[in-house]
Amino acid sequence: MMDRGSHQDLRVPAPDHSGEPSLEAGWPAPGIATIGSCERPEPAPGTPSANEDVAAAPPGLFHDIPRWIWTAFLAGWAGFFLLMWLFFAVNSEATFAVVVAMLFGLMAFGLPIVMARQSNRARPRPIEVVHTHTGPVSVRAAAAQIAMIPIAVVIGLLGFILFAK
C-alpha cells in the first residue's frame, strides 16, 4: 500500500511559459490573424509558397506507380463485384447485401481516386523502379504485388461458383 507522501515524488514541475506571448503583450499575439484581417501570414521557412512551381514537389504516396497497374487492380475488384452481383443477388435480401458491399467498395476505392485527382501534383514521368518501404522494386514486381490480391479473389470466387453449382 502506498503512503500519501510518495505522490509528491511523482509530480512534474510546471512548464516555463516565460518566452510565450501573453495577453499583456497585446492582442492578438504576434503571427495570429484576427477575423476581418486581410493580411496573409508568411509561409513557414522551408515550405513552398503558392507561387512556386508545384511540379518541383516530390511525388506523393502511390504517385510513382504507373496508371496501368491501378487499372488492373481496380478491374480485378470490379470483376469481383460483378461476379457477386451475377451469382449471389438471387433474391431481395441477397441483392441488398450485395449492393451494400458494392457501395462500401465504391467508397473505399472511389474516395482515394477523387482525392488524388484533386491533387495539384504533376504526373511523374514513366519510371522503371517503384520505391517502397522495404526498398526499390521493378515495375513488374510492383504490378504483381498490387494486382495479385484482387485477381486471386476473382479466381477464387470463380472456383467457388463453379464447384458450388
C-alpha atoms as a PDB file:
ATOM      1  CA  MET A   1       0.000   0.000   0.000  1.00  0.00           C
ATOM      2  CA  MET A   2       1.320   3.462  -0.948  1.00  0.00           C
ATOM      3  CA  ASP A   3       1.555   6.180   1.647  1.00  0.00           C
ATOM      4  CA  ARG A   4       0.394   9.661   0.824  1.00  0.00           C
ATOM      5  CA  GLY A   5       3.853  11.131   0.871  1.00  0.00           C
ATOM      6  CA  SER A   6       5.005   9.110  -2.156  1.00  0.00           C
ATOM      7  CA  HIS A   7       2.701  11.062  -4.501  1.00  0.00           C
ATOM      8  CA  GLN A   8       4.955  14.096  -4.169  1.00  0.00           C
ATOM      9  CA  ASP A   9       7.754  12.165  -5.858  1.00  0.00           C
ATOM     10  CA  LEU A  10       5.593  11.676  -8.993  1.00  0.00           C
ATOM     11  CA  ARG A  11       4.809  15.350  -9.545  1.00  0.00           C
ATOM     12  CA  VAL A  12       6.139  17.024 -12.668  1.00  0.00           C
ATOM     13  CA  PRO A  13       7.381  20.603 -12.437  1.00  0.00           C
ATOM     14  CA  ALA A  14       5.173  23.209 -14.117  1.00  0.00           C
ATOM     15  CA  PRO A  15       6.361  24.273 -17.621  1.00  0.00           C
ATOM     16  CA  ASP A  16       8.060  27.620 -18.007  1.00  0.00           C
ATOM     17  CA  HIS A  17       5.925  29.940 -20.176  1.00  0.00           C
ATOM     18  CA  SER A  18       8.181  32.956 -19.907  1.00  0.00           C
ATOM     19  CA  GLY A  19       9.079  33.054 -23.618  1.00  0.00           C
ATOM     20  CA  GLU A  20       5.500  32.719 -24.920  1.00  0.00           C
ATOM     21  CA  PRO A  21       3.324  35.703 -25.877  1.00  0.00           C
ATOM     22  CA  SER A  22       0.835  36.726 -23.255  1.00  0.00           C
ATOM     23  CA  LEU A  23      -2.285  38.858 -23.173  1.00  0.00           C
ATOM     24  CA  GLU A  24      -0.275  41.599 -21.521  1.00  0.00           C
ATOM     25  CA  ALA A  25       1.929  41.798 -24.640  1.00  0.00           C
ATOM     26  CA  GLY A  26      -1.082  42.816 -26.720  1.00  0.00           C
ATOM     27  CA  TRP A  27      -3.827  41.081 -28.589  1.00  0.00           C
ATOM     28  CA  PRO A  28      -3.672  39.342 -30.956  1.00  0.00           C
ATOM     29  CA  ALA A  29      -0.439  37.561 -30.276  1.00  0.00           C
ATOM     30  CA  PRO A  30       2.187  38.019 -32.989  1.00  0.00           C
ATOM     31  CA  GLY A  31       1.519  35.804 -36.009  1.00  0.00           C
ATOM     32  CA  ILE A  32      -2.188  35.287 -35.305  1.00  0.00           C
ATOM     33  CA  ALA A  33      -4.658  36.901 -37.706  1.00  0.00           C
ATOM     34  CA  THR A  34      -7.953  38.254 -36.458  1.00  0.00           C
ATOM     35  CA  ILE A  35     -11.349  37.929 -38.089  1.00  0.00           C
ATOM     36  CA  GLY A  36     -11.653  40.516 -40.790  1.00  0.00           C
ATOM     37  CA  SER A  37      -7.903  40.789 -41.212  1.00  0.00           C
ATOM     38  CA  CYS A  38      -6.778  40.908 -44.827  1.00  0.00           C
ATOM     39  CA  GLU A  39      -3.155  40.111 -44.128  1.00  0.00           C
ATOM     40  CA  ARG A  40      -1.873  36.736 -45.282  1.00  0.00           C
ATOM     41  CA  PRO A  41       0.529  35.017 -42.915  1.00  0.00           C
ATOM     42  CA  GLU A  42       4.015  34.407 -44.205  1.00  0.00           C
ATOM     43  CA  PRO A  43       4.751  30.760 -45.066  1.00  0.00           C
ATOM     44  CA  ALA A  44       6.955  28.878 -42.661  1.00  0.00           C
ATOM     45  CA  PRO A  45      10.605  28.582 -43.674  1.00  0.00           C
ATOM     46  CA  GLY A  46      11.168  25.610 -45.965  1.00  0.00           C
ATOM     47  CA  THR A  47       7.567  25.354 -47.207  1.00  0.00           C
ATOM     48  CA  PRO A  48       6.775  26.153 -50.839  1.00  0.00           C
ATOM     49  CA  SER A  49       4.801  29.320 -51.415  1.00  0.00           C
ATOM     50  CA  ALA A  50       1.711  29.462 -53.632  1.00  0.00           C
ATOM     51  CA  ASN A  51       3.777  30.988 -56.436  1.00  0.00           C
ATOM     52  CA  GLU A  52       6.385  28.226 -56.611  1.00  0.00           C
ATOM     53  CA  ASP A  53       6.125  25.505 -59.219  1.00  0.00           C
ATOM     54  CA  VAL A  54       4.130  22.590 -57.833  1.00  0.00           C
ATOM     55  CA  ALA A  55       5.803  20.158 -60.216  1.00  0.00           C
ATOM     56  CA  ALA A  56       9.022  20.594 -58.250  1.00  0.00           C
ATOM     57  CA  ALA A  57       7.387  18.884 -55.257  1.00  0.00           C
ATOM     58  CA  PRO A  58       8.221  15.192 -54.874  1.00  0.00           C
ATOM     59  CA  PRO A  59       5.540  12.721 -55.963  1.00  0.00           C
ATOM     60  CA  GLY A  60       3.025  11.817 -53.315  1.00  0.00           C
ATOM     61  CA  LEU A  61       2.257   8.424 -51.895  1.00  0.00           C
ATOM     62  CA  PHE A  62       1.419   5.958 -54.710  1.00  0.00           C
ATOM     63  CA  HIS A  63       2.003   8.614 -57.410  1.00  0.00           C
ATOM     64  CA  ASP A  64       5.063   6.812 -58.739  1.00  0.00           C
ATOM     65  CA  ILE A  65       3.051   3.693 -59.594  1.00  0.00           C
ATOM     66  CA  PRO A  66       2.010   3.570 -63.268  1.00  0.00           C
ATOM     67  CA  ARG A  67      -1.642   4.031 -64.113  1.00  0.00           C
ATOM     68  CA  TRP A  68      -1.976   0.623 -65.807  1.00  0.00           C
ATOM     69  CA  ILE A  69      -1.223  -1.117 -62.506  1.00  0.00           C
ATOM     70  CA  TRP A  70      -4.064   0.743 -60.791  1.00  0.00           C
ATOM     71  CA  THR A  71      -6.328  -0.058 -63.761  1.00  0.00           C
ATOM     72  CA  ALA A  72      -5.602  -3.783 -63.352  1.00  0.00           C
ATOM     73  CA  PHE A  73      -6.132  -3.514 -59.585  1.00  0.00           C
ATOM     74  CA  LEU A  74      -9.499  -1.770 -59.926  1.00  0.00           C
ATOM     75  CA  ALA A  75     -10.564  -4.050 -62.798  1.00  0.00           C
ATOM     76  CA  GLY A  76      -9.956  -7.059 -60.558  1.00  0.00           C
ATOM     77  CA  TRP A  77     -12.179  -5.650 -57.825  1.00  0.00           C
ATOM     78  CA  ALA A  78     -14.802  -4.623 -60.387  1.00  0.00           C
ATOM     79  CA  GLY A  79     -14.815  -8.219 -61.673  1.00  0.00           C
ATOM     80  CA  PHE A  80     -15.282  -9.470 -58.126  1.00  0.00           C
ATOM     81  CA  PHE A  81     -18.294  -7.231 -57.539  1.00  0.00           C
ATOM     82  CA  LEU A  82     -19.734  -8.139 -60.948  1.00  0.00           C
ATOM     83  CA  LEU A  83     -19.492 -11.844 -60.113  1.00  0.00           C
ATOM     84  CA  MET A  84     -21.086 -11.194 -56.729  1.00  0.00           C
ATOM     85  CA  TRP A  85     -23.964  -9.393 -58.442  1.00  0.00           C
ATOM     86  CA  LEU A  86     -24.470 -12.023 -61.148  1.00  0.00           C
ATOM     87  CA  PHE A  87     -24.344 -15.122 -58.986  1.00  0.00           C
ATOM     88  CA  PHE A  88     -25.392 -14.113 -55.480  1.00  0.00           C
ATOM     89  CA  ALA A  89     -28.085 -11.458 -55.962  1.00  0.00           C
ATOM     90  CA  VAL A  90     -30.861 -14.041 -56.352  1.00  0.00           C
ATOM     91  CA  ASN A  91     -33.487 -12.553 -54.027  1.00  0.00           C
ATOM     92  CA  SER A  92     -34.188  -9.188 -52.423  1.00  0.00           C
ATOM     93  CA  GLU A  93     -32.258  -9.896 -49.189  1.00  0.00           C
ATOM     94  CA  ALA A  94     -29.180 -11.125 -51.033  1.00  0.00           C
ATOM     95  CA  THR A  95     -29.408  -8.261 -53.518  1.00  0.00           C
ATOM     96  CA  PHE A  96     -29.479  -5.789 -50.633  1.00  0.00           C
ATOM     97  CA  ALA A  97     -26.368  -7.372 -49.092  1.00  0.00           C
ATOM     98  CA  VAL A  98     -24.513  -7.343 -52.418  1.00  0.00           C
ATOM     99  CA  VAL A  99     -25.486  -3.711 -53.087  1.00  0.00           C
ATOM    100  CA  VAL A 100     -24.256  -2.671 -49.625  1.00  0.00           C
ATOM    101  CA  ALA A 101     -20.944  -4.452 -50.246  1.00  0.00           C
ATOM    102  CA  MET A 102     -20.660  -2.744 -53.642  1.00  0.00           C
ATOM    103  CA  LEU A 103     -21.306   0.664 -52.076  1.00  0.00           C
ATOM    104  CA  PHE A 104     -18.604   0.022 -49.478  1.00  0.00           C
ATOM    105  CA  GLY A 105     -16.227  -0.924 -52.300  1.00  0.00           C
ATOM    106  CA  LEU A 106     -17.173   2.191 -54.232  1.00  0.00           C
ATOM    107  CA  MET A 107     -16.405   4.355 -51.196  1.00  0.00           C
ATOM    108  CA  ALA A 108     -13.175   2.515 -50.348  1.00  0.00           C
ATOM    109  CA  PHE A 109     -11.790   2.800 -53.882  1.00  0.00           C
ATOM    110  CA  GLY A 110     -13.583   5.920 -55.095  1.00  0.00           C
ATOM    111  CA  LEU A 111     -12.589   8.313 -52.335  1.00  0.00           C
ATOM    112  CA  PRO A 112      -8.813   7.940 -52.863  1.00  0.00           C
ATOM    113  CA  ILE A 113      -9.290   8.307 -56.626  1.00  0.00           C
ATOM    114  CA  VAL A 114     -11.284  11.515 -56.194  1.00  0.00           C
ATOM    115  CA  MET A 115      -8.789  12.911 -53.703  1.00  0.00           C
ATOM    116  CA  ALA A 116      -5.831  12.056 -55.949  1.00  0.00           C
ATOM    117  CA  ARG A 117      -7.476  13.857 -58.859  1.00  0.00           C
ATOM    118  CA  GLN A 118      -7.870  16.980 -56.743  1.00  0.00           C
ATOM    119  CA  SER A 119      -4.161  16.960 -56.003  1.00  0.00           C
ATOM    120  CA  ASN A 120      -2.210  19.600 -57.862  1.00  0.00           C
ATOM    121  CA  ARG A 121       0.870  17.446 -58.267  1.00  0.00           C
ATOM    122  CA  ALA A 122       2.168  16.894 -61.762  1.00  0.00           C
ATOM    123  CA  ARG A 123       2.157  13.372 -63.139  1.00  0.00           C
ATOM    124  CA  PRO A 124       5.639  11.870 -62.913  1.00  0.00           C
ATOM    125  CA  ARG A 125       7.461  10.598 -65.962  1.00  0.00           C
ATOM    126  CA  PRO A 126       7.401   6.853 -66.668  1.00  0.00           C
ATOM    127  CA  ILE A 127       9.672   5.048 -64.253  1.00  0.00           C
ATOM    128  CA  GLU A 128      11.435   1.720 -64.085  1.00  0.00           C
ATOM    129  CA  VAL A 129      11.596   1.428 -60.295  1.00  0.00           C
ATOM    130  CA  VAL A 130       8.885   1.819 -57.661  1.00  0.00           C
ATOM    131  CA  HIS A 131      10.131   2.893 -54.248  1.00  0.00           C
ATOM    132  CA  THR A 132       8.534   1.035 -51.342  1.00  0.00           C
ATOM    133  CA  HIS A 133       9.091   0.993 -47.599  1.00  0.00           C
ATOM    134  CA  THR A 134      11.197  -2.137 -47.988  1.00  0.00           C
ATOM    135  CA  GLY A 135      13.264  -0.796 -50.855  1.00  0.00           C
ATOM    136  CA  PRO A 136      13.018  -0.274 -54.607  1.00  0.00           C
ATOM    137  CA  VAL A 137      11.291  -2.898 -56.767  1.00  0.00           C
ATOM    138  CA  SER A 138      10.791  -3.151 -60.509  1.00  0.00           C
ATOM    139  CA  VAL A 139       7.521  -2.045 -62.067  1.00  0.00           C
ATOM    140  CA  ARG A 140       6.682  -5.671 -62.931  1.00  0.00           C
ATOM    141  CA  ALA A 141       7.246  -6.767 -59.333  1.00  0.00           C
ATOM    142  CA  ALA A 142       5.127  -3.879 -58.056  1.00  0.00           C
ATOM    143  CA  ALA A 143       2.375  -4.799 -60.519  1.00  0.00           C
ATOM    144  CA  ALA A 144       2.430  -8.409 -59.357  1.00  0.00           C
ATOM    145  CA  GLN A 145       2.252  -7.377 -55.697  1.00  0.00           C
ATOM    146  CA  ILE A 146      -0.533  -4.837 -56.173  1.00  0.00           C
ATOM    147  CA  ALA A 147      -2.763  -6.732 -58.611  1.00  0.00           C
ATOM    148  CA  MET A 148      -2.288 -10.201 -57.133  1.00  0.00           C
ATOM    149  CA  ILE A 149      -4.935  -9.992 -54.399  1.00  0.00           C
ATOM    150  CA  PRO A 150      -7.919  -8.806 -56.462  1.00  0.00           C
ATOM    151  CA  ILE A 151      -7.086 -11.173 -59.319  1.00  0.00           C
ATOM    152  CA  ALA A 152      -6.693 -14.081 -56.883  1.00  0.00           C
ATOM    153  CA  VAL A 153     -10.031 -13.148 -55.281  1.00  0.00           C
ATOM    154  CA  VAL A 154     -11.739 -13.274 -58.693  1.00  0.00           C
ATOM    155  CA  ILE A 155     -10.144 -16.643 -59.495  1.00  0.00           C
ATOM    156  CA  GLY A 156     -11.151 -17.992 -56.079  1.00  0.00           C
ATOM    157  CA  LEU A 157     -14.710 -16.724 -56.434  1.00  0.00           C
ATOM    158  CA  LEU A 158     -14.970 -18.258 -59.906  1.00  0.00           C
ATOM    159  CA  GLY A 159     -13.759 -21.556 -58.487  1.00  0.00           C
ATOM    160  CA  PHE A 160     -16.298 -21.350 -55.681  1.00  0.00           C
ATOM    161  CA  ILE A 161     -19.115 -20.595 -58.141  1.00  0.00           C
ATOM    162  CA  LEU A 162     -18.115 -23.435 -60.492  1.00  0.00           C
ATOM    163  CA  PHE A 163     -17.761 -26.042 -57.754  1.00  0.00           C
ATOM    164  CA  ALA A 164     -20.892 -24.943 -55.862  1.00  0.00           C
ATOM    165  CA  LYS A 165     -23.242 -25.465 -58.818  1.00  0.00           C
END
